[in-house]
Amino acid sequence: MAPSKKAGKKVAAAPKKGGGQAGKVAKADWKEGFKKKQVGVSDMTLLTTISNESINENLQKRWTNAEIYTYIGAVLISVNPFRGQFALPVSHR
């Protein structure tokens, strides 16, 4: 039975048969989970055209991709993250 790692004790790895690197696993990068393609403009002061249509279009793009927070300079805008769940029949709505 191989010794286990407990209470901060370091345990030497058991030598592998074959001596090759075939069983080596690549180290995971924790930053990889945070990389997300930006949709729309996160700060609407950077919009090229400022109009009702461009603001609504930007908010719609970000909402459909679950980006509910958008800035306008120092002001934070939050859209309702809940989507319609019409599980009830029309007569009960």
C-alpha atoms as a PDB file:
ATOM      1  CA  MET A   1       0.000   0.000   0.000  1.00  0.00           C
ATOM      2  CA  ALA A   2       1.388   3.381  -1.013  1.00  0.00           C
ATOM      3  CA  PRO A   3       1.717   6.147   1.565  1.00  0.00           C
ATOM      4  CA  SER A   4      -0.716   9.036   1.223  1.00  0.00           C
ATOM      5  CA  LYS A   5      -0.286  12.778   1.494  1.00  0.00           C
ATOM      6  CA  LYS A   6      -1.561  13.956   4.875  1.00  0.00           C
ATOM      7  CA  ALA A   7      -0.972  16.909   7.181  1.00  0.00           C
ATOM      8  CA  GLY A   8       1.519  18.641   4.923  1.00  0.00           C
ATOM      9  CA  LYS A   9       3.925  15.692   4.661  1.00  0.00           C
ATOM     10  CA  LYS A  10       5.627  15.373   1.315  1.00  0.00           C
ATOM     11  CA  VAL A  11       5.522  11.962  -0.260  1.00  0.00           C
ATOM     12  CA  ALA A  12       7.884  10.918  -3.025  1.00  0.00           C
ATOM     13  CA  ALA A  13       6.176   9.779  -6.191  1.00  0.00           C
ATOM     14  CA  ALA A  14       6.400   6.084  -6.916  1.00  0.00           C
ATOM     15  CA  PRO A  15       8.643   5.280  -9.892  1.00  0.00           C
ATOM     16  CA  LYS A  16       6.720   4.412 -13.042  1.00  0.00           C
ATOM     17  CA  LYS A  17       7.345   1.347 -15.085  1.00  0.00           C
ATOM     18  CA  GLY A  18       8.672   1.980 -18.557  1.00  0.00           C
ATOM     19  CA  GLY A  19      10.479   5.193 -17.533  1.00  0.00           C
ATOM     20  CA  GLY A  20       8.807   7.274 -20.283  1.00  0.00           C
ATOM     21  CA  GLN A  21       6.860  10.528 -20.143  1.00  0.00           C
ATOM     22  CA  ALA A  22       3.753   8.955 -21.699  1.00  0.00           C
ATOM     23  CA  GLY A  23       1.695   9.255 -18.493  1.00  0.00           C
ATOM     24  CA  LYS A  24       2.490  12.938 -17.926  1.00  0.00           C
ATOM     25  CA  VAL A  25      -0.585  15.175 -17.720  1.00  0.00           C
ATOM     26  CA  ALA A  26      -0.470  18.834 -18.739  1.00  0.00           C
ATOM     27  CA  LYS A  27      -0.865  21.328 -15.927  1.00  0.00           C
ATOM     28  CA  ALA A  28      -4.216  23.144 -15.908  1.00  0.00           C
ATOM     29  CA  ASP A  29      -4.220  26.907 -16.335  1.00  0.00           C
ATOM     30  CA  TRP A  30      -6.660  28.495 -13.871  1.00  0.00           C
ATOM     31  CA  LYS A  31      -6.912  31.637 -16.039  1.00  0.00           C
ATOM     32  CA  GLU A  32      -8.352  29.611 -18.924  1.00  0.00           C
ATOM     33  CA  GLY A  33     -11.789  29.518 -17.240  1.00  0.00           C
ATOM     34  CA  PHE A  34     -11.943  33.300 -17.028  1.00  0.00           C
ATOM     35  CA  LYS A  35     -11.239  33.932 -20.694  1.00  0.00           C
ATOM     36  CA  LYS A  36     -14.534  34.790 -22.280  1.00  0.00           C
ATOM     37  CA  LYS A  37     -15.156  36.474 -25.576  1.00  0.00           C
ATOM     38  CA  GLN A  38     -16.532  39.954 -24.974  1.00  0.00           C
ATOM     39  CA  VAL A  39     -19.858  40.590 -26.659  1.00  0.00           C
ATOM     40  CA  GLY A  40     -20.952  44.147 -27.298  1.00  0.00           C
ATOM     41  CA  VAL A  41     -19.261  47.038 -25.528  1.00  0.00           C
ATOM     42  CA  SER A  42     -18.741  46.794 -21.767  1.00  0.00           C
ATOM     43  CA  ASP A  43     -18.468  50.596 -21.384  1.00  0.00           C
ATOM     44  CA  MET A  44     -21.017  52.396 -23.525  1.00  0.00           C
ATOM     45  CA  THR A  45     -18.974  55.613 -23.561  1.00  0.00           C
ATOM     46  CA  LEU A  46     -16.913  53.745 -26.185  1.00  0.00           C
ATOM     47  CA  LEU A  47     -19.838  53.312 -28.596  1.00  0.00           C
ATOM     48  CA  THR A  48     -19.116  54.874 -31.978  1.00  0.00           C
ATOM     49  CA  THR A  49     -22.705  56.095 -32.401  1.00  0.00           C
ATOM     50  CA  ILE A  50     -24.684  57.088 -29.334  1.00  0.00           C
ATOM     51  CA  SER A  51     -28.389  56.695 -29.997  1.00  0.00           C
ATOM     52  CA  ASN A  52     -31.334  54.868 -28.480  1.00  0.00           C
ATOM     53  CA  GLU A  53     -30.988  52.118 -31.081  1.00  0.00           C
ATOM     54  CA  SER A  54     -27.265  51.529 -30.509  1.00  0.00           C
ATOM     55  CA  ILE A  55     -27.683  51.490 -26.719  1.00  0.00           C
ATOM     56  CA  ASN A  56     -30.605  49.055 -26.884  1.00  0.00           C
ATOM     57  CA  GLU A  57     -28.759  46.858 -29.400  1.00  0.00           C
ATOM     58  CA  ASN A  58     -25.663  46.733 -27.186  1.00  0.00           C
ATOM     59  CA  LEU A  59     -27.699  45.858 -24.088  1.00  0.00           C
ATOM     60  CA  GLN A  60     -29.600  43.178 -26.046  1.00  0.00           C
ATOM     61  CA  LYS A  61     -26.364  41.572 -27.306  1.00  0.00           C
ATOM     62  CA  ARG A  62     -24.882  41.508 -23.818  1.00  0.00           C
ATOM     63  CA  TRP A  63     -28.091  40.182 -22.222  1.00  0.00           C
ATOM     64  CA  THR A  64     -28.396  37.302 -24.703  1.00  0.00           C
ATOM     65  CA  ASN A  65     -24.839  36.271 -23.771  1.00  0.00           C
ATOM     66  CA  ALA A  66     -25.522  36.474 -20.002  1.00  0.00           C
ATOM     67  CA  GLU A  67     -23.599  39.741 -19.546  1.00  0.00           C
ATOM     68  CA  ILE A  68     -26.022  41.648 -17.337  1.00  0.00           C
ATOM     69  CA  TYR A  69     -23.673  44.444 -16.215  1.00  0.00           C
ATOM     70  CA  THR A  70     -22.696  47.332 -18.504  1.00  0.00           C
ATOM     71  CA  TYR A  71     -21.025  50.623 -17.624  1.00  0.00           C
ATOM     72  CA  ILE A  72     -21.654  54.140 -18.857  1.00  0.00           C
ATOM     73  CA  GLY A  73     -18.553  55.813 -17.464  1.00  0.00           C
ATOM     74  CA  ALA A  74     -18.797  55.490 -13.675  1.00  0.00           C
ATOM     75  CA  VAL A  75     -22.471  54.415 -13.776  1.00  0.00           C
ATOM     76  CA  LEU A  76     -23.248  50.699 -13.718  1.00  0.00           C
ATOM     77  CA  ILE A  77     -26.330  49.458 -15.574  1.00  0.00           C
ATOM     78  CA  SER A  78     -27.802  46.073 -14.706  1.00  0.00           C
ATOM     79  CA  VAL A  79     -30.464  44.368 -16.807  1.00  0.00           C
ATOM     80  CA  ASN A  80     -32.868  41.798 -15.419  1.00  0.00           C
ATOM     81  CA  PRO A  81     -31.043  38.436 -15.688  1.00  0.00           C
ATOM     82  CA  PHE A  82     -34.214  36.345 -15.474  1.00  0.00           C
ATOM     83  CA  ARG A  83     -35.608  34.900 -18.654  1.00  0.00           C
ATOM     84  CA  GLY A  84     -39.209  33.902 -19.270  1.00  0.00           C
ATOM     85  CA  GLN A  85     -40.015  30.401 -18.034  1.00  0.00           C
ATOM     86  CA  PHE A  86     -43.496  29.783 -19.355  1.00  0.00           C
ATOM     87  CA  ALA A  87     -44.156  26.415 -17.763  1.00  0.00           C
ATOM     88  CA  LEU A  88     -47.709  27.327 -16.747  1.00  0.00           C
ATOM     89  CA  PRO A  89     -50.590  27.213 -19.200  1.00  0.00           C
ATOM     90  CA  VAL A  90     -51.739  30.557 -20.596  1.00  0.00           C
ATOM     91  CA  SER A  91     -54.882  30.492 -18.428  1.00  0.00           C
ATOM     92  CA  HIS A  92     -52.746  30.544 -15.228  1.00  0.00           C
ATOM     93  CA  ARG A  93     -50.466  33.469 -16.134  1.00  0.00           C
END
